[in-house]
Amino acid sequence: MTMTEPVNLHTMGIPGAGGDAPVGEKKNPVFAAGLSLLFPGLGQVYNGETGKGILVLFLVLAGLLVMLIPGVAVWIFGMYDAWATARRMNEGTVPFREVRLLTIALFMVLWTVGVLALLTLAALAAFTAFTVAI
């Protein structure tokens, strides 16, 4: 190959140079599920599905606020979905999506605000339930 010929970086195996998935990059399904276990929706964000992660977060918070069982059910589904999506990305049946650190940081801010709002609503409900009107 001479210096005047065009170079196809994708066929040379250079990561990030084009194509559907970066060469050699894999998602860790157990890590994705673990993130969703600790922070509902974060496994989806790790997989590059930020919208789905926000939806899982809000459904878990709403489910926990209304009744415990719906929130836990969505939480468990979120863990399974994060694991399964990471596996499918590694197999190539789902397009690989990169995630940025800024996206994860913004999601964690949203997660913190959501949890604080849930705790505030729960405290107000408890306060109202135990307050006696005179």
N, C-alpha and C. Protein backbone atom coordinates (compact mmCIF):
# COMPACT_ATOMS: atom_id res chain seq x y z
N MET A 1 0.85 -1.17 0.00
CA MET A 1 0.00 0.00 0.00
C MET A 1 0.90 1.23 0.00
N THR A 2 0.62 2.16 -0.91
CA THR A 2 1.39 3.39 -0.97
C THR A 2 0.63 4.49 -0.24
N MET A 3 1.26 5.59 -0.03
CA MET A 3 0.68 6.70 0.72
C MET A 3 -0.44 7.41 -0.04
N THR A 4 -0.57 7.17 -1.33
CA THR A 4 -1.60 7.86 -2.11
C THR A 4 -2.92 7.10 -2.16
N GLU A 5 -2.94 5.84 -1.72
CA GLU A 5 -4.17 5.07 -1.74
C GLU A 5 -5.06 5.42 -0.55
N PRO A 6 -6.40 5.44 -0.75
CA PRO A 6 -7.28 5.71 0.38
C PRO A 6 -7.23 4.55 1.39
N VAL A 7 -7.41 4.88 2.64
CA VAL A 7 -7.33 3.89 3.70
C VAL A 7 -8.72 3.73 4.31
N ASN A 8 -9.20 2.51 4.41
CA ASN A 8 -10.45 2.22 5.07
C ASN A 8 -10.14 1.84 6.51
N LEU A 9 -10.34 2.78 7.42
CA LEU A 9 -9.98 2.54 8.82
C LEU A 9 -10.83 1.46 9.46
N HIS A 10 -12.08 1.32 9.00
CA HIS A 10 -12.96 0.31 9.59
C HIS A 10 -12.43 -1.10 9.33
N THR A 11 -11.97 -1.37 8.10
CA THR A 11 -11.48 -2.70 7.79
C THR A 11 -10.13 -2.97 8.42
N MET A 12 -9.43 -1.91 8.83
CA MET A 12 -8.14 -2.09 9.49
C MET A 12 -8.31 -2.40 10.98
N GLY A 13 -9.55 -2.29 11.50
CA GLY A 13 -9.80 -2.64 12.88
C GLY A 13 -9.47 -1.54 13.87
N ILE A 14 -9.53 -0.31 13.43
CA ILE A 14 -9.25 0.80 14.33
C ILE A 14 -10.54 1.20 15.02
N PRO A 15 -10.61 1.12 16.37
CA PRO A 15 -11.83 1.43 17.10
C PRO A 15 -12.29 2.86 16.87
N GLY A 16 -13.60 3.02 16.73
CA GLY A 16 -14.18 4.34 16.58
C GLY A 16 -14.02 4.94 15.20
N ALA A 17 -13.50 4.17 14.24
CA ALA A 17 -13.24 4.72 12.93
C ALA A 17 -14.40 4.51 11.96
N GLY A 18 -15.48 3.95 12.42
CA GLY A 18 -16.64 3.72 11.56
C GLY A 18 -17.25 2.37 11.84
N GLY A 19 -18.33 2.07 11.19
CA GLY A 19 -19.00 0.79 11.39
C GLY A 19 -20.02 0.87 12.51
N ASP A 20 -20.66 -0.26 12.77
CA ASP A 20 -21.71 -0.31 13.77
C ASP A 20 -21.19 -0.36 15.19
N ALA A 21 -20.15 -1.13 15.45
CA ALA A 21 -19.67 -1.30 16.81
C ALA A 21 -18.17 -1.11 16.85
N PRO A 22 -17.68 -0.45 17.88
CA PRO A 22 -16.24 -0.32 18.03
C PRO A 22 -15.61 -1.71 18.18
N VAL A 23 -14.46 -1.89 17.55
CA VAL A 23 -13.79 -3.17 17.57
C VAL A 23 -13.31 -3.48 18.98
N GLY A 24 -13.63 -4.67 19.46
CA GLY A 24 -13.14 -5.11 20.75
C GLY A 24 -13.96 -4.61 21.94
N GLU A 25 -14.95 -3.76 21.74
CA GLU A 25 -15.74 -3.25 22.86
C GLU A 25 -16.87 -4.23 23.15
N LYS A 26 -17.06 -4.51 24.40
CA LYS A 26 -18.14 -5.39 24.84
C LYS A 26 -18.80 -4.76 26.06
N LYS A 27 -20.07 -5.07 26.21
CA LYS A 27 -20.80 -4.69 27.41
C LYS A 27 -20.74 -5.87 28.38
N ASN A 28 -20.66 -5.58 29.65
CA ASN A 28 -20.64 -6.62 30.66
C ASN A 28 -22.06 -6.80 31.19
N PRO A 29 -22.74 -7.91 30.86
CA PRO A 29 -24.13 -8.10 31.28
C PRO A 29 -24.30 -8.12 32.80
N VAL A 30 -23.37 -8.73 33.52
CA VAL A 30 -23.48 -8.79 34.98
C VAL A 30 -23.31 -7.39 35.58
N PHE A 31 -22.39 -6.62 35.03
CA PHE A 31 -22.19 -5.25 35.49
C PHE A 31 -23.43 -4.40 35.23
N ALA A 32 -24.04 -4.58 34.04
CA ALA A 32 -25.25 -3.83 33.71
C ALA A 32 -26.38 -4.17 34.67
N ALA A 33 -26.57 -5.46 34.97
CA ALA A 33 -27.61 -5.87 35.91
C ALA A 33 -27.30 -5.35 37.31
N GLY A 34 -26.03 -5.38 37.70
CA GLY A 34 -25.63 -4.87 39.02
C GLY A 34 -25.89 -3.38 39.16
N LEU A 35 -25.63 -2.64 38.10
CA LEU A 35 -25.93 -1.20 38.14
C LEU A 35 -27.42 -0.97 38.33
N SER A 36 -28.24 -1.77 37.64
CA SER A 36 -29.69 -1.64 37.79
C SER A 36 -30.17 -2.09 39.15
N LEU A 37 -29.44 -3.02 39.77
CA LEU A 37 -29.79 -3.44 41.13
C LEU A 37 -29.55 -2.29 42.11
N LEU A 38 -28.42 -1.63 41.98
CA LEU A 38 -28.07 -0.54 42.90
C LEU A 38 -28.84 0.75 42.61
N PHE A 39 -28.97 1.07 41.33
CA PHE A 39 -29.62 2.30 40.91
C PHE A 39 -30.56 1.97 39.75
N PRO A 40 -31.86 1.82 40.01
CA PRO A 40 -32.79 1.45 38.94
C PRO A 40 -32.65 2.35 37.72
N GLY A 41 -32.47 1.73 36.55
CA GLY A 41 -32.35 2.46 35.30
C GLY A 41 -30.91 2.70 34.86
N LEU A 42 -29.95 2.59 35.78
CA LEU A 42 -28.56 2.88 35.41
C LEU A 42 -27.99 1.81 34.48
N GLY A 43 -28.45 0.59 34.58
CA GLY A 43 -28.00 -0.46 33.65
C GLY A 43 -28.39 -0.14 32.22
N GLN A 44 -29.58 0.42 32.05
CA GLN A 44 -30.02 0.83 30.71
C GLN A 44 -29.16 1.98 30.20
N VAL A 45 -28.83 2.92 31.08
CA VAL A 45 -27.98 4.05 30.68
C VAL A 45 -26.59 3.53 30.29
N TYR A 46 -26.06 2.58 31.04
CA TYR A 46 -24.77 1.95 30.72
C TYR A 46 -24.82 1.30 29.33
N ASN A 47 -25.98 0.73 28.99
CA ASN A 47 -26.14 0.11 27.67
C ASN A 47 -26.40 1.13 26.57
N GLY A 48 -26.48 2.41 26.91
CA GLY A 48 -26.70 3.44 25.90
C GLY A 48 -28.16 3.73 25.65
N GLU A 49 -29.05 3.21 26.47
CA GLU A 49 -30.49 3.43 26.32
C GLU A 49 -30.98 4.36 27.42
N THR A 50 -30.60 5.63 27.30
CA THR A 50 -30.89 6.61 28.34
C THR A 50 -32.39 6.81 28.54
N GLY A 51 -33.14 6.90 27.48
CA GLY A 51 -34.59 7.09 27.59
C GLY A 51 -35.25 5.94 28.35
N LYS A 52 -34.83 4.72 28.02
CA LYS A 52 -35.39 3.56 28.72
C LYS A 52 -34.98 3.57 30.19
N GLY A 53 -33.77 4.02 30.47
CA GLY A 53 -33.31 4.09 31.86
C GLY A 53 -34.11 5.08 32.68
N ILE A 54 -34.42 6.23 32.09
CA ILE A 54 -35.24 7.23 32.79
C ILE A 54 -36.64 6.68 33.01
N LEU A 55 -37.19 5.98 32.02
CA LEU A 55 -38.52 5.39 32.16
C LEU A 55 -38.53 4.35 33.29
N VAL A 56 -37.52 3.49 33.34
CA VAL A 56 -37.44 2.49 34.40
C VAL A 56 -37.36 3.17 35.76
N LEU A 57 -36.54 4.21 35.86
CA LEU A 57 -36.40 4.94 37.13
C LEU A 57 -37.75 5.49 37.59
N PHE A 58 -38.45 6.19 36.71
CA PHE A 58 -39.72 6.79 37.10
C PHE A 58 -40.78 5.74 37.41
N LEU A 59 -40.79 4.63 36.67
CA LEU A 59 -41.76 3.57 36.95
C LEU A 59 -41.47 2.90 38.29
N VAL A 60 -40.20 2.71 38.62
CA VAL A 60 -39.84 2.14 39.92
C VAL A 60 -40.26 3.09 41.04
N LEU A 61 -39.94 4.38 40.89
CA LEU A 61 -40.30 5.34 41.94
C LEU A 61 -41.81 5.45 42.10
N ALA A 62 -42.53 5.50 40.98
CA ALA A 62 -43.99 5.58 41.05
C ALA A 62 -44.56 4.31 41.66
N GLY A 63 -44.03 3.15 41.26
CA GLY A 63 -44.50 1.89 41.81
C GLY A 63 -44.24 1.76 43.30
N LEU A 64 -43.07 2.23 43.74
CA LEU A 64 -42.75 2.19 45.17
C LEU A 64 -43.63 3.17 45.95
N LEU A 65 -43.99 4.28 45.34
CA LEU A 65 -44.82 5.28 46.02
C LEU A 65 -46.26 4.78 46.16
N VAL A 66 -46.78 4.17 45.11
CA VAL A 66 -48.17 3.71 45.13
C VAL A 66 -48.30 2.44 45.98
N MET A 67 -47.54 1.44 45.62
CA MET A 67 -47.51 0.17 46.35
C MET A 67 -46.13 -0.42 46.16
N LEU A 68 -45.69 -1.21 47.08
CA LEU A 68 -44.34 -1.76 47.03
C LEU A 68 -44.15 -2.75 45.88
N ILE A 69 -45.11 -3.62 45.65
CA ILE A 69 -44.95 -4.71 44.69
C ILE A 69 -44.74 -4.22 43.25
N PRO A 70 -45.52 -3.25 42.73
CA PRO A 70 -45.25 -2.80 41.35
C PRO A 70 -43.85 -2.20 41.18
N GLY A 71 -43.40 -1.46 42.17
CA GLY A 71 -42.07 -0.87 42.08
C GLY A 71 -40.98 -1.93 42.05
N VAL A 72 -41.12 -2.94 42.90
CA VAL A 72 -40.13 -4.02 42.94
C VAL A 72 -40.18 -4.82 41.65
N ALA A 73 -41.37 -5.05 41.11
CA ALA A 73 -41.50 -5.80 39.85
C ALA A 73 -40.79 -5.07 38.70
N VAL A 74 -40.98 -3.76 38.60
CA VAL A 74 -40.30 -2.99 37.54
C VAL A 74 -38.80 -2.98 37.79
N TRP A 75 -38.39 -2.89 39.05
CA TRP A 75 -36.97 -2.91 39.41
C TRP A 75 -36.32 -4.21 38.93
N ILE A 76 -36.98 -5.35 39.20
CA ILE A 76 -36.45 -6.65 38.77
C ILE A 76 -36.43 -6.73 37.24
N PHE A 77 -37.50 -6.25 36.60
CA PHE A 77 -37.50 -6.23 35.14
C PHE A 77 -36.34 -5.39 34.60
N GLY A 78 -36.07 -4.25 35.24
CA GLY A 78 -34.97 -3.39 34.80
C GLY A 78 -33.63 -4.10 34.87
N MET A 79 -33.43 -4.90 35.93
CA MET A 79 -32.18 -5.66 36.05
C MET A 79 -32.07 -6.69 34.93
N TYR A 80 -33.17 -7.42 34.69
CA TYR A 80 -33.16 -8.42 33.62
C TYR A 80 -32.94 -7.75 32.26
N ASP A 81 -33.64 -6.66 32.01
CA ASP A 81 -33.53 -5.98 30.72
C ASP A 81 -32.11 -5.48 30.48
N ALA A 82 -31.47 -4.92 31.50
CA ALA A 82 -30.09 -4.44 31.35
C ALA A 82 -29.16 -5.60 31.01
N TRP A 83 -29.33 -6.73 31.70
CA TRP A 83 -28.51 -7.91 31.46
C TRP A 83 -28.73 -8.44 30.04
N ALA A 84 -30.01 -8.60 29.67
CA ALA A 84 -30.33 -9.18 28.36
C ALA A 84 -29.88 -8.27 27.22
N THR A 85 -30.05 -6.96 27.38
CA THR A 85 -29.65 -6.03 26.32
C THR A 85 -28.13 -6.05 26.13
N ALA A 86 -27.38 -6.09 27.23
CA ALA A 86 -25.92 -6.16 27.12
C ALA A 86 -25.49 -7.43 26.40
N ARG A 87 -26.15 -8.56 26.71
CA ARG A 87 -25.84 -9.81 26.01
C ARG A 87 -26.13 -9.71 24.53
N ARG A 88 -27.29 -9.13 24.20
CA ARG A 88 -27.66 -8.99 22.78
C ARG A 88 -26.70 -8.07 22.04
N MET A 89 -26.21 -7.03 22.71
CA MET A 89 -25.23 -6.14 22.08
C MET A 89 -23.94 -6.90 21.79
N ASN A 90 -23.53 -7.73 22.72
CA ASN A 90 -22.30 -8.51 22.53
C ASN A 90 -22.46 -9.54 21.42
N GLU A 91 -23.67 -10.07 21.26
CA GLU A 91 -23.94 -11.05 20.19
C GLU A 91 -24.13 -10.39 18.83
N GLY A 92 -24.40 -9.07 18.84
CA GLY A 92 -24.59 -8.35 17.60
C GLY A 92 -26.03 -8.29 17.13
N THR A 93 -26.97 -8.82 17.92
CA THR A 93 -28.38 -8.77 17.52
C THR A 93 -29.02 -7.42 17.82
N VAL A 94 -28.40 -6.65 18.70
CA VAL A 94 -28.83 -5.28 19.01
C VAL A 94 -27.64 -4.37 18.73
N PRO A 95 -27.85 -3.24 18.08
CA PRO A 95 -26.71 -2.35 17.79
C PRO A 95 -26.00 -1.89 19.06
N PHE A 96 -24.68 -1.89 19.00
CA PHE A 96 -23.87 -1.42 20.12
C PHE A 96 -24.05 0.08 20.28
N ARG A 97 -24.25 0.52 21.50
CA ARG A 97 -24.38 1.96 21.78
C ARG A 97 -23.36 2.34 22.83
N GLU A 98 -22.63 3.37 22.53
CA GLU A 98 -21.67 3.87 23.51
C GLU A 98 -22.39 4.76 24.51
N VAL A 99 -21.79 4.90 25.67
CA VAL A 99 -22.34 5.76 26.71
C VAL A 99 -21.25 6.74 27.12
N ARG A 100 -21.68 7.93 27.42
CA ARG A 100 -20.73 8.97 27.86
C ARG A 100 -20.82 9.15 29.36
N LEU A 101 -19.72 9.52 29.95
CA LEU A 101 -19.67 9.75 31.39
C LEU A 101 -20.63 10.86 31.80
N LEU A 102 -20.78 11.88 30.97
CA LEU A 102 -21.70 12.98 31.27
C LEU A 102 -23.14 12.47 31.37
N THR A 103 -23.51 11.55 30.49
CA THR A 103 -24.86 10.98 30.53
C THR A 103 -25.08 10.24 31.85
N ILE A 104 -24.10 9.47 32.28
CA ILE A 104 -24.21 8.75 33.54
C ILE A 104 -24.31 9.73 34.70
N ALA A 105 -23.49 10.78 34.68
CA ALA A 105 -23.52 11.77 35.76
C ALA A 105 -24.87 12.48 35.82
N LEU A 106 -25.41 12.86 34.68
CA LEU A 106 -26.72 13.52 34.66
C LEU A 106 -27.82 12.58 35.13
N PHE A 107 -27.74 11.31 34.74
CA PHE A 107 -28.73 10.35 35.22
C PHE A 107 -28.65 10.20 36.73
N MET A 108 -27.44 10.19 37.28
CA MET A 108 -27.30 10.05 38.73
C MET A 108 -27.88 11.26 39.46
N VAL A 109 -27.75 12.45 38.87
CA VAL A 109 -28.39 13.64 39.45
C VAL A 109 -29.90 13.46 39.43
N LEU A 110 -30.44 13.01 38.29
CA LEU A 110 -31.87 12.76 38.18
C LEU A 110 -32.31 11.68 39.17
N TRP A 111 -31.52 10.63 39.32
CA TRP A 111 -31.82 9.56 40.27
C TRP A 111 -31.89 10.11 41.69
N THR A 112 -30.93 10.94 42.06
CA THR A 112 -30.90 11.52 43.40
C THR A 112 -32.12 12.40 43.65
N VAL A 113 -32.45 13.23 42.69
CA VAL A 113 -33.63 14.09 42.82
C VAL A 113 -34.89 13.24 42.94
N GLY A 114 -35.00 12.19 42.15
CA GLY A 114 -36.17 11.31 42.20
C GLY A 114 -36.31 10.61 43.54
N VAL A 115 -35.21 10.11 44.06
CA VAL A 115 -35.26 9.43 45.36
C VAL A 115 -35.60 10.42 46.47
N LEU A 116 -35.02 11.61 46.42
CA LEU A 116 -35.35 12.63 47.43
C LEU A 116 -36.82 13.03 47.35
N ALA A 117 -37.36 13.14 46.15
CA ALA A 117 -38.78 13.46 45.99
C ALA A 117 -39.64 12.33 46.55
N LEU A 118 -39.26 11.08 46.28
CA LEU A 118 -40.00 9.94 46.82
C LEU A 118 -39.99 9.95 48.34
N LEU A 119 -38.83 10.18 48.93
CA LEU A 119 -38.73 10.21 50.39
C LEU A 119 -39.52 11.37 50.98
N THR A 120 -39.51 12.52 50.31
CA THR A 120 -40.28 13.67 50.78
C THR A 120 -41.77 13.38 50.74
N LEU A 121 -42.23 12.80 49.65
CA LEU A 121 -43.65 12.45 49.55
C LEU A 121 -44.04 11.41 50.59
N ALA A 122 -43.19 10.44 50.84
CA ALA A 122 -43.47 9.42 51.85
C ALA A 122 -43.51 10.05 53.24
N ALA A 123 -42.60 10.98 53.52
CA ALA A 123 -42.60 11.65 54.83
C ALA A 123 -43.84 12.51 54.99
N LEU A 124 -44.24 13.21 53.94
CA LEU A 124 -45.46 14.02 54.02
C LEU A 124 -46.69 13.15 54.23
N ALA A 125 -46.73 12.00 53.55
CA ALA A 125 -47.86 11.09 53.74
C ALA A 125 -47.91 10.55 55.16
N ALA A 126 -46.74 10.19 55.71
CA ALA A 126 -46.71 9.70 57.07
C ALA A 126 -47.09 10.80 58.05
N PHE A 127 -46.61 12.01 57.84
CA PHE A 127 -46.94 13.12 58.70
C PHE A 127 -48.45 13.40 58.68
N THR A 128 -49.02 13.37 57.49
CA THR A 128 -50.46 13.62 57.34
C THR A 128 -51.27 12.50 58.00
N ALA A 129 -50.81 11.27 57.87
CA ALA A 129 -51.54 10.13 58.44
C ALA A 129 -51.55 10.18 59.97
N PHE A 130 -50.49 10.70 60.57
CA PHE A 130 -50.39 10.68 62.03
C PHE A 130 -50.72 12.02 62.68
N THR A 131 -51.11 13.00 61.88
CA THR A 131 -51.50 14.30 62.42
C THR A 131 -53.00 14.25 62.75
N VAL A 132 -53.31 14.66 63.95
CA VAL A 132 -54.70 14.67 64.38
C VAL A 132 -55.26 16.06 64.18
N ALA A 133 -56.36 16.15 63.46
CA ALA A 133 -57.00 17.46 63.24
C ALA A 133 -57.77 17.85 64.50
N ILE A 134 -57.60 19.09 64.90
CA ILE A 134 -58.28 19.59 66.11
C ILE A 134 -59.44 20.48 65.73
